[in-house]
Amino acid sequence: MKNERVSLRHLDEELSTEDVPAHTFDRTEKLAPGGIVDIEIDPLPLGLTFHPGEQLRLVSSAAAHSSAR
């Protein structure tokens, strides 16, 4: 399992390819409440074979953080 923060979505244009994005992790791009942004996810090398009819499920979630903690 791999966790990535959408706020660290900036890509390195020189290292990224059409198939594999390379993130710089050198800046934070905050999201506006209710905002929508495009993200690119690095498909980690996997040793899986998918047969006809099988599926890969991607689960995306967010946690609300309270500043009252």
N, C-alpha and C. Protein backbone atom coordinates (compact mmCIF):
# COMPACT_ATOMS: atom_id res chain seq x y z
N MET A 1 0.85 -1.17 0.00
CA MET A 1 0.00 0.00 0.00
C MET A 1 0.90 1.23 0.00
N LYS A 2 0.46 2.24 -0.72
CA LYS A 2 1.25 3.46 -0.83
C LYS A 2 0.37 4.66 -0.50
N ASN A 3 0.87 5.53 0.36
CA ASN A 3 0.13 6.74 0.72
C ASN A 3 0.84 7.94 0.13
N GLU A 4 0.09 8.79 -0.54
CA GLU A 4 0.63 10.03 -1.08
C GLU A 4 -0.32 11.16 -0.74
N ARG A 5 0.23 12.33 -0.53
CA ARG A 5 -0.58 13.51 -0.25
C ARG A 5 -0.80 14.28 -1.54
N VAL A 6 -2.04 14.64 -1.78
CA VAL A 6 -2.38 15.40 -2.97
C VAL A 6 -1.68 16.75 -2.96
N SER A 7 -1.43 17.32 -1.79
CA SER A 7 -0.77 18.62 -1.72
C SER A 7 0.68 18.56 -2.22
N LEU A 8 1.25 17.34 -2.35
CA LEU A 8 2.61 17.17 -2.86
C LEU A 8 2.57 16.62 -4.29
N ARG A 9 1.63 17.11 -5.10
CA ARG A 9 1.38 16.57 -6.43
C ARG A 9 2.24 17.18 -7.54
N HIS A 10 3.08 18.18 -7.22
CA HIS A 10 3.87 18.84 -8.26
C HIS A 10 4.80 17.83 -8.94
N LEU A 11 4.82 17.85 -10.28
CA LEU A 11 5.61 16.90 -11.06
C LEU A 11 6.91 17.50 -11.56
N ASP A 12 7.92 16.67 -11.65
CA ASP A 12 9.20 17.03 -12.27
C ASP A 12 9.03 16.76 -13.76
N GLU A 13 8.97 17.83 -14.55
CA GLU A 13 8.71 17.70 -15.99
C GLU A 13 9.83 16.94 -16.70
N GLU A 14 11.07 17.06 -16.22
CA GLU A 14 12.19 16.40 -16.88
C GLU A 14 12.23 14.90 -16.60
N LEU A 15 11.87 14.50 -15.40
CA LEU A 15 11.93 13.09 -15.02
C LEU A 15 10.66 12.31 -15.30
N SER A 16 9.53 12.99 -15.39
CA SER A 16 8.26 12.32 -15.63
C SER A 16 8.19 11.81 -17.06
N THR A 17 7.55 10.65 -17.21
CA THR A 17 7.27 10.12 -18.54
C THR A 17 5.76 10.04 -18.70
N GLU A 18 5.31 9.67 -19.87
CA GLU A 18 3.87 9.55 -20.10
C GLU A 18 3.25 8.48 -19.20
N ASP A 19 4.04 7.45 -18.89
CA ASP A 19 3.53 6.34 -18.08
C ASP A 19 3.80 6.46 -16.59
N VAL A 20 4.90 7.13 -16.23
CA VAL A 20 5.29 7.20 -14.82
C VAL A 20 5.57 8.64 -14.41
N PRO A 21 4.74 9.19 -13.53
CA PRO A 21 4.99 10.55 -13.04
C PRO A 21 6.11 10.56 -12.00
N ALA A 22 6.90 11.62 -12.00
CA ALA A 22 7.95 11.79 -10.99
C ALA A 22 7.63 13.06 -10.21
N HIS A 23 7.31 12.88 -8.95
CA HIS A 23 6.96 14.02 -8.09
C HIS A 23 8.22 14.64 -7.50
N THR A 24 8.22 15.97 -7.35
CA THR A 24 9.39 16.66 -6.80
C THR A 24 9.40 16.66 -5.28
N PHE A 25 8.24 16.68 -4.65
CA PHE A 25 8.09 16.74 -3.19
C PHE A 25 8.80 17.96 -2.61
N ASP A 26 9.02 19.00 -3.43
CA ASP A 26 9.74 20.18 -2.96
C ASP A 26 8.83 21.37 -2.67
N ARG A 27 7.53 21.20 -2.85
CA ARG A 27 6.60 22.30 -2.57
C ARG A 27 5.24 21.72 -2.21
N THR A 28 4.51 22.49 -1.45
CA THR A 28 3.16 22.11 -1.04
C THR A 28 2.16 22.97 -1.80
N GLU A 29 1.25 22.31 -2.48
CA GLU A 29 0.19 23.01 -3.22
C GLU A 29 -1.14 22.68 -2.52
N LYS A 30 -1.52 23.56 -1.60
CA LYS A 30 -2.73 23.32 -0.80
C LYS A 30 -3.97 23.31 -1.68
N LEU A 31 -4.96 22.60 -1.23
CA LEU A 31 -6.24 22.55 -1.92
C LEU A 31 -7.21 23.51 -1.26
N ALA A 32 -8.03 24.15 -2.09
CA ALA A 32 -9.10 24.99 -1.56
C ALA A 32 -10.24 24.08 -1.12
N PRO A 33 -10.95 24.45 -0.05
CA PRO A 33 -12.09 23.63 0.38
C PRO A 33 -13.06 23.41 -0.79
N GLY A 34 -13.38 22.16 -1.04
CA GLY A 34 -14.29 21.82 -2.13
C GLY A 34 -13.63 21.84 -3.50
N GLY A 35 -12.33 22.13 -3.54
CA GLY A 35 -11.61 22.22 -4.81
C GLY A 35 -11.37 20.86 -5.43
N ILE A 36 -11.18 20.86 -6.74
CA ILE A 36 -10.90 19.64 -7.49
C ILE A 36 -9.59 19.85 -8.25
N VAL A 37 -8.69 18.90 -8.16
CA VAL A 37 -7.42 18.99 -8.87
C VAL A 37 -7.12 17.66 -9.56
N ASP A 38 -6.36 17.72 -10.62
CA ASP A 38 -5.88 16.51 -11.28
C ASP A 38 -4.65 16.02 -10.53
N ILE A 39 -4.56 14.70 -10.37
CA ILE A 39 -3.37 14.12 -9.76
C ILE A 39 -2.91 12.97 -10.64
N GLU A 40 -1.62 12.69 -10.58
CA GLU A 40 -1.06 11.55 -11.28
C GLU A 40 -0.44 10.63 -10.24
N ILE A 41 -0.78 9.36 -10.33
CA ILE A 41 -0.34 8.38 -9.35
C ILE A 41 0.67 7.44 -10.00
N ASP A 42 1.78 7.23 -9.32
CA ASP A 42 2.81 6.32 -9.82
C ASP A 42 2.34 4.89 -9.63
N PRO A 43 2.17 4.17 -10.73
CA PRO A 43 1.77 2.75 -10.59
C PRO A 43 2.99 1.92 -10.22
N LEU A 44 3.13 1.64 -8.94
CA LEU A 44 4.27 0.87 -8.48
C LEU A 44 4.42 -0.41 -9.29
N PRO A 45 5.63 -0.85 -9.52
CA PRO A 45 5.80 -2.11 -10.23
C PRO A 45 5.13 -3.24 -9.45
N LEU A 46 4.25 -3.94 -10.12
CA LEU A 46 3.52 -5.02 -9.48
C LEU A 46 3.72 -6.30 -10.27
N GLY A 47 3.81 -7.40 -9.59
CA GLY A 47 3.93 -8.69 -10.25
C GLY A 47 2.60 -9.39 -10.29
N LEU A 48 1.59 -8.71 -10.81
CA LEU A 48 0.24 -9.28 -10.85
C LEU A 48 -0.19 -9.52 -12.29
N THR A 49 -0.93 -10.56 -12.49
CA THR A 49 -1.53 -10.83 -13.79
C THR A 49 -3.03 -10.70 -13.64
N PHE A 50 -3.63 -9.89 -14.51
CA PHE A 50 -5.08 -9.72 -14.48
C PHE A 50 -5.68 -10.51 -15.63
N HIS A 51 -6.63 -11.33 -15.30
CA HIS A 51 -7.32 -12.15 -16.30
C HIS A 51 -8.60 -11.45 -16.71
N PRO A 52 -9.13 -11.78 -17.88
CA PRO A 52 -10.37 -11.14 -18.33
C PRO A 52 -11.46 -11.21 -17.27
N GLY A 53 -12.06 -10.06 -17.00
CA GLY A 53 -13.13 -9.98 -16.00
C GLY A 53 -12.65 -9.56 -14.63
N GLU A 54 -11.34 -9.65 -14.35
CA GLU A 54 -10.81 -9.20 -13.06
C GLU A 54 -10.64 -7.69 -13.08
N GLN A 55 -10.63 -7.10 -11.89
CA GLN A 55 -10.55 -5.65 -11.78
C GLN A 55 -9.53 -5.25 -10.73
N LEU A 56 -9.01 -4.04 -10.89
CA LEU A 56 -8.16 -3.42 -9.90
C LEU A 56 -8.94 -2.25 -9.33
N ARG A 57 -9.07 -2.20 -8.01
CA ARG A 57 -9.84 -1.13 -7.38
C ARG A 57 -8.89 -0.15 -6.69
N LEU A 58 -9.08 1.12 -6.96
CA LEU A 58 -8.32 2.20 -6.34
C LEU A 58 -9.24 2.89 -5.34
N VAL A 59 -8.81 2.94 -4.09
CA VAL A 59 -9.61 3.57 -3.04
C VAL A 59 -8.95 4.88 -2.66
N SER A 60 -9.72 5.94 -2.73
CA SER A 60 -9.24 7.27 -2.36
C SER A 60 -10.07 7.76 -1.19
N SER A 61 -9.39 8.32 -0.19
CA SER A 61 -10.13 8.80 0.98
C SER A 61 -9.48 10.06 1.51
N ALA A 62 -10.22 10.76 2.32
CA ALA A 62 -9.73 11.98 2.95
C ALA A 62 -10.18 11.97 4.40
N ALA A 63 -9.38 12.59 5.23
CA ALA A 63 -9.72 12.70 6.64
C ALA A 63 -9.88 14.17 6.98
N ALA A 64 -10.92 14.47 7.71
CA ALA A 64 -11.13 15.86 8.16
C ALA A 64 -10.28 16.06 9.40
N HIS A 65 -9.48 17.10 9.39
CA HIS A 65 -8.64 17.41 10.54
C HIS A 65 -9.20 18.64 11.25
N SER A 66 -9.33 18.52 12.54
CA SER A 66 -9.83 19.63 13.34
C SER A 66 -8.68 20.39 13.95
N SER A 67 -8.75 21.72 13.88
CA SER A 67 -7.69 22.51 14.52
C SER A 67 -7.93 22.68 16.00
N ALA A 68 -9.02 22.10 16.52
CA ALA A 68 -9.36 22.22 17.93
C ALA A 68 -8.64 21.18 18.78
N ARG A 69 -7.82 20.35 18.20
CA ARG A 69 -7.15 19.28 18.96
C ARG A 69 -6.11 19.82 19.89
